[in-house]
């Protein structure tokens, strides 16, 4: 690609990202990922004297082949191809080029990747550790506050299936609404998730109790912090607890519960929420709504749970199951 072509490619990418933000409500992290993938794509084409306006199907195949030879994982290649496809679809729709060379490309084959799952007993063990010694007067006040915060985070996450980014950025307004009894319009969180989509996240009684207990001790020890915007305030740049801090605390709790820490993360607890609901009979569409998935295809990674439940039903309930073949 010539030097004169580089600004045109950069401008096209900038316009594409602006469209994603304006029309699809893409988050900053998503836009940054697209920018990196498309920047790499432009550089890869440039090595062959091409740019996105002149690239052919074979040029894109050659680029993807080079990624595979460099050892890039199929999942990463698939993500890059998705960005390239959407970018070329945008260029064609905007009539910046007359065709779409990426429309017929197939992504790298990937095995079915199942989410990491914790059993109900393992989650119960982690929750039991969270609840131990919360009112121990021998513990220093700020240590009791951290314990209450950790218990609140885990209880709310497992009760609601929130994304960790949604959890740590919960507001005080949302908490006050959730603390109200259901008959007064409370008992749930109002979440604004990916793409600005709003949904309700009902909370269990245990989660509401943990939330109220944490808020009580925070107000008692640090009334100035308790009055701030965030439910989990922090002195950091964001003003609230970071996902990294919570992830470390969760691994510590898992180890204390006898669960291998490398198997546990906030995202794994979100998976546990969804899987355990399905395991106990919840409808897949309901779980989709609770998780905040725009497309049910995203939720279908949990269908292995339904498969196992159906197999179990046939095994346990079919009248002819105990007969010899």
C-alpha atoms as a PDB file:
ATOM      1  CA  UNK A   1       0.000   0.000   0.000  1.00  0.00           C
ATOM      2  CA  UNK A   2       1.368   3.411  -0.904  1.00  0.00           C
ATOM      3  CA  UNK A   3       1.814   6.178   1.621  1.00  0.00           C
ATOM      4  CA  UNK A   4      -1.076   8.002  -0.014  1.00  0.00           C
ATOM      5  CA  UNK A   5      -3.298   4.996   0.716  1.00  0.00           C
ATOM      6  CA  UNK A   6      -2.569   4.842   4.438  1.00  0.00           C
ATOM      7  CA  UNK A   7      -4.565   7.945   5.446  1.00  0.00           C
ATOM      8  CA  UNK A   8      -7.541   6.640   3.408  1.00  0.00           C
ATOM      9  CA  UNK A   9      -7.461   3.324   5.285  1.00  0.00           C
ATOM     10  CA  UNK A  10      -7.147   5.058   8.633  1.00  0.00           C
ATOM     11  CA  UNK A  11     -10.078   7.328   7.760  1.00  0.00           C
ATOM     12  CA  UNK A  12     -12.217   4.350   6.685  1.00  0.00           C
ATOM     13  CA  UNK A  13     -11.466   2.528   9.945  1.00  0.00           C
ATOM     14  CA  UNK A  14     -12.271   5.657  11.957  1.00  0.00           C
ATOM     15  CA  UNK A  15     -15.621   5.992  10.155  1.00  0.00           C
ATOM     16  CA  UNK A  16     -16.368   2.298  10.723  1.00  0.00           C
ATOM     17  CA  UNK A  17     -15.653   2.621  14.452  1.00  0.00           C
ATOM     18  CA  UNK A  18     -17.807   5.737  14.638  1.00  0.00           C
ATOM     19  CA  UNK A  19     -20.673   3.752  13.058  1.00  0.00           C
ATOM     20  CA  UNK A  20     -20.244   0.931  15.620  1.00  0.00           C
ATOM     21  CA  UNK A  21     -20.385   3.414  18.474  1.00  0.00           C
ATOM     22  CA  UNK A  22     -23.317   5.439  17.146  1.00  0.00           C
ATOM     23  CA  UNK A  23     -25.530   2.735  15.658  1.00  0.00           C
ATOM     24  CA  UNK A  24     -24.703  -0.324  17.756  1.00  0.00           C
ATOM     25  CA  UNK A  25     -23.674   1.280  21.034  1.00  0.00           C
ATOM     26  CA  UNK A  26     -20.325  -0.550  21.042  1.00  0.00           C
ATOM     27  CA  UNK A  27     -18.347  -0.124  24.268  1.00  0.00           C
ATOM     28  CA  UNK A  28     -14.863   1.418  24.357  1.00  0.00           C
ATOM     29  CA  UNK A  29     -13.177  -1.945  24.923  1.00  0.00           C
ATOM     30  CA  UNK A  30     -14.974  -3.352  21.872  1.00  0.00           C
ATOM     31  CA  UNK A  31     -13.982  -0.382  19.727  1.00  0.00           C
ATOM     32  CA  UNK A  32     -10.359  -0.667  20.876  1.00  0.00           C
ATOM     33  CA  UNK A  33     -10.311  -4.360  19.922  1.00  0.00           C
ATOM     34  CA  UNK A  34     -11.714  -3.612  16.454  1.00  0.00           C
ATOM     35  CA  UNK A  35      -9.170  -0.827  15.989  1.00  0.00           C
ATOM     36  CA  UNK A  36      -6.276  -3.173  16.860  1.00  0.00           C
ATOM     37  CA  UNK A  37      -7.508  -5.999  14.628  1.00  0.00           C
ATOM     38  CA  UNK A  38      -8.150  -3.743  11.643  1.00  0.00           C
ATOM     39  CA  UNK A  39      -4.860  -1.916  12.148  1.00  0.00           C
ATOM     40  CA  UNK A  40      -3.049  -5.275  11.984  1.00  0.00           C
ATOM     41  CA  UNK A  41      -5.066  -6.153   8.878  1.00  0.00           C
ATOM     42  CA  UNK A  42      -4.041  -2.947   7.091  1.00  0.00           C
ATOM     43  CA  UNK A  43      -0.387  -3.551   7.948  1.00  0.00           C
ATOM     44  CA  UNK A  44      -0.622  -7.157   6.714  1.00  0.00           C
ATOM     45  CA  UNK A  45      -2.102  -6.047   3.402  1.00  0.00           C
ATOM     46  CA  UNK A  46       0.527  -3.315   3.048  1.00  0.00           C
ATOM     47  CA  UNK A  47       3.297  -5.925   2.992  1.00  0.00           C
ATOM     48  CA  UNK A  48       1.817  -7.175  -0.270  1.00  0.00           C
ATOM     49  CA  UNK A  49       1.239  -3.733  -1.682  1.00  0.00           C
ATOM     50  CA  UNK A  50      -2.496  -3.865  -1.026  1.00  0.00           C
ATOM     51  CA  UNK A  51      -5.004  -1.935   1.054  1.00  0.00           C
ATOM     52  CA  UNK A  52      -8.643  -2.570   2.072  1.00  0.00           C
ATOM     53  CA  UNK A  53      -9.918  -0.782  -1.050  1.00  0.00           C
ATOM     54  CA  UNK A  54      -8.084  -3.153  -3.408  1.00  0.00           C
ATOM     55  CA  UNK A  55      -7.815  -6.379  -1.383  1.00  0.00           C
ATOM     56  CA  UNK A  56      -9.113  -9.576  -3.026  1.00  0.00           C
ATOM     57  CA  UNK A  57     -10.489 -12.731  -1.433  1.00  0.00           C
ATOM     58  CA  UNK A  58      -7.072 -14.328  -1.897  1.00  0.00           C
ATOM     59  CA  UNK A  59      -5.335 -11.398  -0.204  1.00  0.00           C
ATOM     60  CA  UNK A  60      -7.501 -11.882   2.875  1.00  0.00           C
ATOM     61  CA  UNK A  61      -6.915 -15.653   2.799  1.00  0.00           C
ATOM     62  CA  UNK A  62      -3.164 -15.056   2.586  1.00  0.00           C
ATOM     63  CA  UNK A  63      -3.343 -12.712   5.572  1.00  0.00           C
ATOM     64  CA  UNK A  64      -5.258 -15.255   7.647  1.00  0.00           C
ATOM     65  CA  UNK A  65      -2.866 -18.028   6.605  1.00  0.00           C
ATOM     66  CA  UNK A  66       0.067 -15.910   7.765  1.00  0.00           C
ATOM     67  CA  UNK A  67      -1.619 -15.495  11.146  1.00  0.00           C
ATOM     68  CA  UNK A  68      -2.092 -19.261  11.448  1.00  0.00           C
ATOM     69  CA  UNK A  69       1.539 -19.931  10.503  1.00  0.00           C
ATOM     70  CA  UNK A  70       2.603 -17.440  13.174  1.00  0.00           C
ATOM     71  CA  UNK A  71       0.789 -19.584  15.751  1.00  0.00           C
ATOM     72  CA  UNK A  72      -2.290 -17.438  16.338  1.00  0.00           C
ATOM     73  CA  UNK A  73      -5.058 -19.423  18.047  1.00  0.00           C
ATOM     74  CA  UNK A  74      -8.170 -20.246  15.971  1.00  0.00           C
ATOM     75  CA  UNK A  75     -10.322 -18.216  18.376  1.00  0.00           C
ATOM     76  CA  UNK A  76      -8.160 -15.131  17.802  1.00  0.00           C
ATOM     77  CA  UNK A  77      -8.151 -15.672  14.036  1.00  0.00           C
ATOM     78  CA  UNK A  78     -11.931 -16.003  14.079  1.00  0.00           C
ATOM     79  CA  UNK A  79     -12.213 -12.715  15.975  1.00  0.00           C
ATOM     80  CA  UNK A  80      -9.984 -10.945  13.450  1.00  0.00           C
ATOM     81  CA  UNK A  81     -11.950 -12.406  10.546  1.00  0.00           C
ATOM     82  CA  UNK A  82     -15.183 -11.184  12.117  1.00  0.00           C
ATOM     83  CA  UNK A  83     -13.759  -7.654  12.279  1.00  0.00           C
ATOM     84  CA  UNK A  84     -12.572  -7.867   8.667  1.00  0.00           C
ATOM     85  CA  UNK A  85     -15.956  -9.124   7.460  1.00  0.00           C
ATOM     86  CA  UNK A  86     -17.836  -6.341   9.201  1.00  0.00           C
ATOM     87  CA  UNK A  87     -15.376  -3.731   7.953  1.00  0.00           C
ATOM     88  CA  UNK A  88     -15.714  -4.864   4.321  1.00  0.00           C
ATOM     89  CA  UNK A  89     -19.503  -5.052   4.668  1.00  0.00           C
ATOM     90  CA  UNK A  90     -19.367  -1.435   5.830  1.00  0.00           C
ATOM     91  CA  UNK A  91     -17.130  -0.395   2.903  1.00  0.00           C
ATOM     92  CA  UNK A  92     -19.525  -2.001   0.411  1.00  0.00           C
ATOM     93  CA  UNK A  93     -22.621  -0.505   2.058  1.00  0.00           C
ATOM     94  CA  UNK A  94     -20.995   2.930   1.996  1.00  0.00           C
ATOM     95  CA  UNK A  95     -20.053   2.376  -1.680  1.00  0.00           C
ATOM     96  CA  UNK A  96     -16.379   2.926  -0.935  1.00  0.00           C
ATOM     97  CA  UNK A  97     -15.705  -0.147  -3.031  1.00  0.00           C
ATOM     98  CA  UNK A  98     -18.072  -1.987  -5.409  1.00  0.00           C
ATOM     99  CA  UNK A  99     -17.772  -5.458  -3.889  1.00  0.00           C
ATOM    100  CA  UNK A 100     -17.260  -7.338  -0.624  1.00  0.00           C
ATOM    101  CA  UNK A 101     -14.291  -9.726  -0.901  1.00  0.00           C
ATOM    102  CA  UNK A 102     -14.832 -11.144   2.608  1.00  0.00           C
ATOM    103  CA  UNK A 103     -18.434 -12.260   2.204  1.00  0.00           C
ATOM    104  CA  UNK A 104     -17.655 -15.871   1.239  1.00  0.00           C
ATOM    105  CA  UNK A 105     -14.743 -16.475   3.577  1.00  0.00           C
ATOM    106  CA  UNK A 106     -15.052 -19.244   6.159  1.00  0.00           C
ATOM    107  CA  UNK A 107     -13.557 -18.888   9.592  1.00  0.00           C
ATOM    108  CA  UNK A 108     -11.071 -21.320  11.145  1.00  0.00           C
ATOM    109  CA  UNK A 109     -12.664 -24.454  12.529  1.00  0.00           C
ATOM    110  CA  UNK A 110     -13.027 -24.388  16.276  1.00  0.00           C
ATOM    111  CA  UNK A 111     -13.967 -27.067  18.721  1.00  0.00           C
ATOM    112  CA  UNK A 112     -17.053 -26.430  20.798  1.00  0.00           C
ATOM    113  CA  UNK A 113     -15.758 -24.522  23.789  1.00  0.00           C
ATOM    114  CA  UNK A 114     -17.847 -25.057  26.892  1.00  0.00           C
ATOM    115  CA  UNK A 115     -17.844 -22.575  29.757  1.00  0.00           C
ATOM    116  CA  UNK A 116     -16.048 -23.505  32.963  1.00  0.00           C
ATOM    117  CA  UNK A 117     -18.629 -24.704  35.428  1.00  0.00           C
ATOM    118  CA  UNK A 118     -18.688 -24.931  39.205  1.00  0.00           C
ATOM    119  CA  UNK A 119     -21.037 -27.380  40.883  1.00  0.00           C
ATOM    120  CA  UNK A 120     -23.787 -26.153  43.184  1.00  0.00           C
ATOM    121  CA  UNK A 121     -21.895 -27.692  46.121  1.00  0.00           C
ATOM    122  CA  UNK A 122     -18.722 -25.787  45.191  1.00  0.00           C
ATOM    123  CA  UNK A 123     -20.590 -22.487  45.022  1.00  0.00           C
ATOM    124  CA  UNK A 124     -22.242 -23.304  48.341  1.00  0.00           C
ATOM    125  CA  UNK A 125     -18.792 -23.866  49.854  1.00  0.00           C
ATOM    126  CA  UNK A 126     -17.558 -20.482  48.625  1.00  0.00           C
ATOM    127  CA  UNK A 127     -20.682 -18.761  49.957  1.00  0.00           C
ATOM    128  CA  UNK A 128     -20.251 -20.515  53.307  1.00  0.00           C
ATOM    129  CA  UNK A 129     -16.705 -19.168  53.599  1.00  0.00           C
ATOM    130  CA  UNK A 130     -17.987 -15.678  52.710  1.00  0.00           C
ATOM    131  CA  UNK A 131     -20.502 -15.825  55.557  1.00  0.00           C
ATOM    132  CA  UNK A 132     -18.111 -17.084  58.230  1.00  0.00           C
ATOM    133  CA  UNK A 133     -17.044 -14.673  60.959  1.00  0.00           C
ATOM    134  CA  UNK A 134     -18.760 -11.622  59.532  1.00  0.00           C
ATOM    135  CA  UNK A 135     -19.760 -10.436  62.993  1.00  0.00           C
ATOM    136  CA  UNK A 136     -16.590 -11.483  64.816  1.00  0.00           C
ATOM    137  CA  UNK A 137     -15.850  -8.548  67.200  1.00  0.00           C
ATOM    138  CA  UNK A 138     -12.189  -9.584  67.344  1.00  0.00           C
ATOM    139  CA  UNK A 139     -11.686  -8.576  63.703  1.00  0.00           C
ATOM    140  CA  UNK A 140     -10.532  -4.984  63.061  1.00  0.00           C
ATOM    141  CA  UNK A 141     -13.354  -2.771  61.726  1.00  0.00           C
ATOM    142  CA  UNK A 142     -11.948  -2.330  58.209  1.00  0.00           C
ATOM    143  CA  UNK A 143     -11.322  -6.067  57.948  1.00  0.00           C
ATOM    144  CA  UNK A 144     -14.974  -6.675  58.824  1.00  0.00           C
ATOM    145  CA  UNK A 145     -15.936  -4.148  56.147  1.00  0.00           C
ATOM    146  CA  UNK A 146     -13.848  -5.961  53.500  1.00  0.00           C
ATOM    147  CA  UNK A 147     -15.411  -9.278  54.532  1.00  0.00           C
ATOM    148  CA  UNK A 148     -18.915  -7.798  54.240  1.00  0.00           C
ATOM    149  CA  UNK A 149     -18.049  -6.317  50.847  1.00  0.00           C
ATOM    150  CA  UNK A 150     -16.695  -9.641  49.572  1.00  0.00           C
ATOM    151  CA  UNK A 151     -19.783 -11.472  50.817  1.00  0.00           C
ATOM    152  CA  UNK A 152     -22.027  -8.900  49.156  1.00  0.00           C
ATOM    153  CA  UNK A 153     -20.175  -9.134  45.849  1.00  0.00           C
ATOM    154  CA  UNK A 154     -20.330 -12.938  45.710  1.00  0.00           C
ATOM    155  CA  UNK A 155     -23.957 -13.163  46.864  1.00  0.00           C
ATOM    156  CA  UNK A 156     -25.121 -10.534  44.360  1.00  0.00           C
ATOM    157  CA  UNK A 157     -23.096 -12.005  41.486  1.00  0.00           C
ATOM    158  CA  UNK A 158     -24.362 -15.547  41.967  1.00  0.00           C
ATOM    159  CA  UNK A 159     -27.933 -14.318  42.524  1.00  0.00           C
ATOM    160  CA  UNK A 160     -28.021 -12.107  39.418  1.00  0.00           C
ATOM    161  CA  UNK A 161     -25.452 -13.364  36.890  1.00  0.00           C
ATOM    162  CA  UNK A 162     -24.123  -9.848  36.275  1.00  0.00           C
ATOM    163  CA  UNK A 163     -21.032  -9.224  34.216  1.00  0.00           C
ATOM    164  CA  UNK A 164     -18.176  -8.287  36.543  1.00  0.00           C
ATOM    165  CA  UNK A 165     -17.981  -4.838  34.932  1.00  0.00           C
ATOM    166  CA  UNK A 166     -21.681  -4.323  35.761  1.00  0.00           C
ATOM    167  CA  UNK A 167     -21.207  -5.614  39.307  1.00  0.00           C
ATOM    168  CA  UNK A 168     -18.300  -3.418  40.416  1.00  0.00           C
ATOM    169  CA  UNK A 169     -19.910  -0.338  38.839  1.00  0.00           C
ATOM    170  CA  UNK A 170     -23.271  -0.695  40.598  1.00  0.00           C
ATOM    171  CA  UNK A 171     -24.555   2.659  41.810  1.00  0.00           C
ATOM    172  CA  UNK A 172     -25.907   3.652  45.187  1.00  0.00           C
ATOM    173  CA  UNK A 173     -29.273   4.404  43.558  1.00  0.00           C
ATOM    174  CA  UNK A 174     -29.490   0.831  42.244  1.00  0.00           C
ATOM    175  CA  UNK A 175     -28.595  -0.548  45.679  1.00  0.00           C
ATOM    176  CA  UNK A 176     -31.283   1.455  47.451  1.00  0.00           C
ATOM    177  CA  UNK A 177     -33.879   0.211  44.970  1.00  0.00           C
ATOM    178  CA  UNK A 178     -32.752  -3.388  45.453  1.00  0.00           C
ATOM    179  CA  UNK A 179     -32.916  -3.120  49.254  1.00  0.00           C
ATOM    180  CA  UNK A 180     -36.640  -2.369  49.205  1.00  0.00           C
ATOM    181  CA  UNK A 181     -38.941  -5.372  49.735  1.00  0.00           C
ATOM    182  CA  UNK A 182     -40.542  -6.754  46.548  1.00  0.00           C
ATOM    183  CA  UNK A 183     -43.992  -5.554  47.591  1.00  0.00           C
ATOM    184  CA  UNK A 184     -42.611  -1.987  47.521  1.00  0.00           C
ATOM    185  CA  UNK A 185     -41.189  -2.370  44.020  1.00  0.00           C
ATOM    186  CA  UNK A 186     -37.738  -3.458  45.160  1.00  0.00           C
ATOM    187  CA  UNK A 187     -35.807  -6.701  45.210  1.00  0.00           C
ATOM    188  CA  UNK A 188     -34.065  -6.217  41.882  1.00  0.00           C
ATOM    189  CA  UNK A 189     -31.272  -4.260  40.229  1.00  0.00           C
ATOM    190  CA  UNK A 190     -31.751  -2.133  37.123  1.00  0.00           C
ATOM    191  CA  UNK A 191     -28.754  -2.765  34.883  1.00  0.00           C
ATOM    192  CA  UNK A 192     -27.649  -0.905  31.777  1.00  0.00           C
ATOM    193  CA  UNK A 193     -25.517  -3.454  29.972  1.00  0.00           C
ATOM    194  CA  UNK A 194     -23.748  -3.796  26.638  1.00  0.00           C
ATOM    195  CA  UNK A 195     -25.042  -1.544  23.895  1.00  0.00           C
ATOM    196  CA  UNK A 196     -26.950   0.528  26.455  1.00  0.00           C
ATOM    197  CA  UNK A 197     -29.596  -2.213  26.813  1.00  0.00           C
ATOM    198  CA  UNK A 198     -31.480  -2.059  30.109  1.00  0.00           C
ATOM    199  CA  UNK A 199     -32.633  -5.130  32.024  1.00  0.00           C
ATOM    200  CA  UNK A 200     -33.845  -6.152  35.472  1.00  0.00           C
ATOM    201  CA  UNK A 201     -31.770  -8.478  37.658  1.00  0.00           C
ATOM    202  CA  UNK A 202     -33.859  -9.999  40.480  1.00  0.00           C
ATOM    203  CA  UNK A 203     -32.020 -10.682  43.746  1.00  0.00           C
ATOM    204  CA  UNK A 204     -32.494 -13.497  46.231  1.00  0.00           C
ATOM    205  CA  UNK A 205     -33.275 -12.799  49.867  1.00  0.00           C
ATOM    206  CA  UNK A 206     -29.722 -13.775  50.816  1.00  0.00           C
ATOM    207  CA  UNK A 207     -28.292 -11.307  48.304  1.00  0.00           C
ATOM    208  CA  UNK A 208     -30.522  -8.473  49.526  1.00  0.00           C
ATOM    209  CA  UNK A 209     -29.530  -9.227  53.129  1.00  0.00           C
ATOM    210  CA  UNK A 210     -25.811  -9.227  52.218  1.00  0.00           C
ATOM    211  CA  UNK A 211     -26.284  -5.937  50.382  1.00  0.00           C
ATOM    212  CA  UNK A 212     -28.011  -4.278  53.342  1.00  0.00           C
ATOM    213  CA  UNK A 213     -25.407  -5.587  55.825  1.00  0.00           C
ATOM    214  CA  UNK A 214     -22.525  -4.293  53.713  1.00  0.00           C
ATOM    215  CA  UNK A 215     -24.202  -0.892  53.277  1.00  0.00           C
ATOM    216  CA  UNK A 216     -24.816  -0.673  57.040  1.00  0.00           C
ATOM    217  CA  UNK A 217     -21.184  -1.239  58.041  1.00  0.00           C
ATOM    218  CA  UNK A 218     -19.887   1.044  55.260  1.00  0.00           C
ATOM    219  CA  UNK A 219     -22.176   3.828  56.477  1.00  0.00           C
ATOM    220  CA  UNK A 220     -21.078   3.218  60.075  1.00  0.00           C
ATOM    221  CA  UNK A 221     -17.310   3.255  59.379  1.00  0.00           C
ATOM    222  CA  UNK A 222     -17.045   5.587  56.365  1.00  0.00           C
ATOM    223  CA  UNK A 223     -20.184   7.727  55.996  1.00  0.00           C
ATOM    224  CA  UNK A 224     -18.492   9.977  53.424  1.00  0.00           C
ATOM    225  CA  UNK A 225     -17.732   7.023  51.147  1.00  0.00           C
ATOM    226  CA  UNK A 226     -21.196   5.535  51.704  1.00  0.00           C
ATOM    227  CA  UNK A 227     -22.731   8.728  50.313  1.00  0.00           C
ATOM    228  CA  UNK A 228     -20.783   8.592  47.039  1.00  0.00           C
ATOM    229  CA  UNK A 229     -22.185   7.537  43.665  1.00  0.00           C
ATOM    230  CA  UNK A 230     -20.838   3.982  43.682  1.00  0.00           C
ATOM    231  CA  UNK A 231     -22.022   1.049  45.773  1.00  0.00           C
ATOM    232  CA  UNK A 232     -18.444  -0.237  46.062  1.00  0.00           C
ATOM    233  CA  UNK A 233     -16.443   3.013  46.327  1.00  0.00           C
ATOM    234  CA  UNK A 234     -12.677   3.126  46.003  1.00  0.00           C
ATOM    235  CA  UNK A 235      -9.930   5.729  46.006  1.00  0.00           C
ATOM    236  CA  UNK A 236      -8.791   4.574  42.550  1.00  0.00           C
ATOM    237  CA  UNK A 237      -9.178   6.459  39.292  1.00  0.00           C
ATOM    238  CA  UNK A 238     -12.563   4.921  38.427  1.00  0.00           C
ATOM    239  CA  UNK A 239     -13.996   5.768  41.835  1.00  0.00           C
ATOM    240  CA  UNK A 240     -15.202   2.217  42.385  1.00  0.00           C
ATOM    241  CA  UNK A 241     -13.736  -1.212  43.096  1.00  0.00           C
ATOM    242  CA  UNK A 242     -11.867  -2.696  40.127  1.00  0.00           C
ATOM    243  CA  UNK A 243     -12.634  -6.089  38.636  1.00  0.00           C
ATOM    244  CA  UNK A 244      -9.027  -7.147  39.265  1.00  0.00           C
ATOM    245  CA  UNK A 245      -9.311  -6.558  43.014  1.00  0.00           C
ATOM    246  CA  UNK A 246     -12.547  -8.529  43.198  1.00  0.00           C
ATOM    247  CA  UNK A 247     -11.097 -11.373  41.111  1.00  0.00           C
ATOM    248  CA  UNK A 248      -8.162 -11.693  43.557  1.00  0.00           C
ATOM    249  CA  UNK A 249     -10.493 -11.692  46.562  1.00  0.00           C
ATOM    250  CA  UNK A 250     -12.682 -14.354  44.930  1.00  0.00           C
ATOM    251  CA  UNK A 251      -9.710 -16.651  44.316  1.00  0.00           C
ATOM    252  CA  UNK A 252      -8.701 -16.279  47.972  1.00  0.00           C
ATOM    253  CA  UNK A 253     -12.217 -17.254  49.052  1.00  0.00           C
ATOM    254  CA  UNK A 254     -12.223 -20.211  46.666  1.00  0.00           C
ATOM    255  CA  UNK A 255      -8.952 -21.502  48.121  1.00  0.00           C
ATOM    256  CA  UNK A 256     -10.368 -21.199  51.641  1.00  0.00           C
ATOM    257  CA  UNK A 257     -13.409 -23.188  50.481  1.00  0.00           C
ATOM    258  CA  UNK A 258     -11.264 -26.001  49.082  1.00  0.00           C
ATOM    259  CA  UNK A 259     -11.935 -25.091  45.434  1.00  0.00           C
ATOM    260  CA  UNK A 260      -8.896 -24.710  43.158  1.00  0.00           C
ATOM    261  CA  UNK A 261      -8.455 -20.935  42.645  1.00  0.00           C
ATOM    262  CA  UNK A 262      -7.530 -21.315  38.970  1.00  0.00           C
ATOM    263  CA  UNK A 263     -11.042 -22.685  38.350  1.00  0.00           C
ATOM    264  CA  UNK A 264     -12.765 -19.648  39.820  1.00  0.00           C
ATOM    265  CA  UNK A 265     -13.298 -16.135  38.494  1.00  0.00           C
ATOM    266  CA  UNK A 266     -16.191 -13.649  38.436  1.00  0.00           C
ATOM    267  CA  UNK A 267     -17.043 -14.841  34.918  1.00  0.00           C
ATOM    268  CA  UNK A 268     -17.120 -18.469  36.090  1.00  0.00           C
ATOM    269  CA  UNK A 269     -19.644 -17.499  38.788  1.00  0.00           C
ATOM    270  CA  UNK A 270     -21.755 -15.865  36.061  1.00  0.00           C
ATOM    271  CA  UNK A 271     -21.583 -19.163  34.153  1.00  0.00           C
ATOM    272  CA  UNK A 272     -22.574 -21.029  37.310  1.00  0.00           C
ATOM    273  CA  UNK A 273     -25.629 -18.789  37.712  1.00  0.00           C
ATOM    274  CA  UNK A 274     -26.813 -19.600  34.177  1.00  0.00           C
ATOM    275  CA  UNK A 275     -25.961 -23.301  34.249  1.00  0.00           C
ATOM    276  CA  UNK A 276     -27.582 -23.936  37.624  1.00  0.00           C
ATOM    277  CA  UNK A 277     -30.784 -22.173  36.525  1.00  0.00           C
ATOM    278  CA  UNK A 278     -30.990 -24.333  33.396  1.00  0.00           C
ATOM    279  CA  UNK A 279     -30.111 -27.427  35.382  1.00  0.00           C
ATOM    280  CA  UNK A 280     -33.106 -26.737  37.615  1.00  0.00           C
ATOM    281  CA  UNK A 281     -35.568 -26.205  34.785  1.00  0.00           C
ATOM    282  CA  UNK A 282     -35.287 -22.554  33.715  1.00  0.00           C
ATOM    283  CA  UNK A 283     -36.174 -21.664  30.125  1.00  0.00           C
ATOM    284  CA  UNK A 284     -33.272 -20.742  27.853  1.00  0.00           C
ATOM    285  CA  UNK A 285     -34.999 -17.512  26.774  1.00  0.00           C
ATOM    286  CA  UNK A 286     -35.395 -16.435  30.393  1.00  0.00           C
ATOM    287  CA  UNK A 287     -31.692 -17.070  31.042  1.00  0.00           C
ATOM    288  CA  UNK A 288     -30.877 -15.048  27.919  1.00  0.00           C
ATOM    289  CA  UNK A 289     -32.802 -12.083  29.350  1.00  0.00           C
ATOM    290  CA  UNK A 290     -31.184 -12.401  32.770  1.00  0.00           C
ATOM    291  CA  UNK A 291     -27.673 -12.539  31.299  1.00  0.00           C
ATOM    292  CA  UNK A 292     -28.336  -9.570  29.017  1.00  0.00           C
ATOM    293  CA  UNK A 293     -27.458 -11.437  25.811  1.00  0.00           C
ATOM    294  CA  UNK A 294     -28.746  -9.657  22.700  1.00  0.00           C
ATOM    295  CA  UNK A 295     -28.691 -12.906  20.699  1.00  0.00           C
ATOM    296  CA  UNK A 296     -29.863 -16.262  22.033  1.00  0.00           C
ATOM    297  CA  UNK A 297     -27.019 -17.883  20.087  1.00  0.00           C
ATOM    298  CA  UNK A 298     -24.685 -16.511  22.760  1.00  0.00           C
ATOM    299  CA  UNK A 299     -26.734 -18.194  25.478  1.00  0.00           C
ATOM    300  CA  UNK A 300     -26.715 -21.506  23.626  1.00  0.00           C
ATOM    301  CA  UNK A 301     -23.222 -22.311  24.917  1.00  0.00           C
ATOM    302  CA  UNK A 302     -25.166 -23.605  27.927  1.00  0.00           C
ATOM    303  CA  UNK A 303     -27.254 -26.105  25.959  1.00  0.00           C
ATOM    304  CA  UNK A 304     -24.940 -28.910  27.096  1.00  0.00           C
ATOM    305  CA  UNK A 305     -26.663 -28.487  30.474  1.00  0.00           C
ATOM    306  CA  UNK A 306     -30.042 -28.998  28.808  1.00  0.00           C
ATOM    307  CA  UNK A 307     -28.668 -32.002  26.902  1.00  0.00           C
ATOM    308  CA  UNK A 308     -27.548 -33.628  30.138  1.00  0.00           C
ATOM    309  CA  UNK A 309     -30.868 -32.855  31.827  1.00  0.00           C
ATOM    310  CA  UNK A 310     -32.830 -34.411  28.961  1.00  0.00           C
ATOM    311  CA  UNK A 311     -30.624 -37.495  28.992  1.00  0.00           C
ATOM    312  CA  UNK A 312     -31.185 -37.786  32.727  1.00  0.00           C
ATOM    313  CA  UNK A 313     -34.945 -37.475  32.296  1.00  0.00           C
ATOM    314  CA  UNK A 314     -34.983 -40.286  29.714  1.00  0.00           C
ATOM    315  CA  UNK A 315     -32.719 -42.423  31.879  1.00  0.00           C
ATOM    316  CA  UNK A 316     -34.761 -41.908  35.046  1.00  0.00           C
ATOM    317  CA  UNK A 317     -38.323 -41.598  33.761  1.00  0.00           C
ATOM    318  CA  UNK A 318     -38.703 -43.661  30.582  1.00  0.00           C
ATOM    319  CA  UNK A 319     -40.793 -46.770  31.386  1.00  0.00           C
ATOM    320  CA  UNK A 320     -38.715 -49.055  29.155  1.00  0.00           C
ATOM    321  CA  UNK A 321     -35.280 -47.805  30.223  1.00  0.00           C
ATOM    322  CA  UNK A 322     -34.586 -50.741  32.539  1.00  0.00           C
ATOM    323  CA  UNK A 323     -35.230 -53.340  29.846  1.00  0.00           C
ATOM    324  CA  UNK A 324     -32.399 -55.083  28.017  1.00  0.00           C
ATOM    325  CA  UNK A 325     -31.658 -54.055  24.425  1.00  0.00           C
END
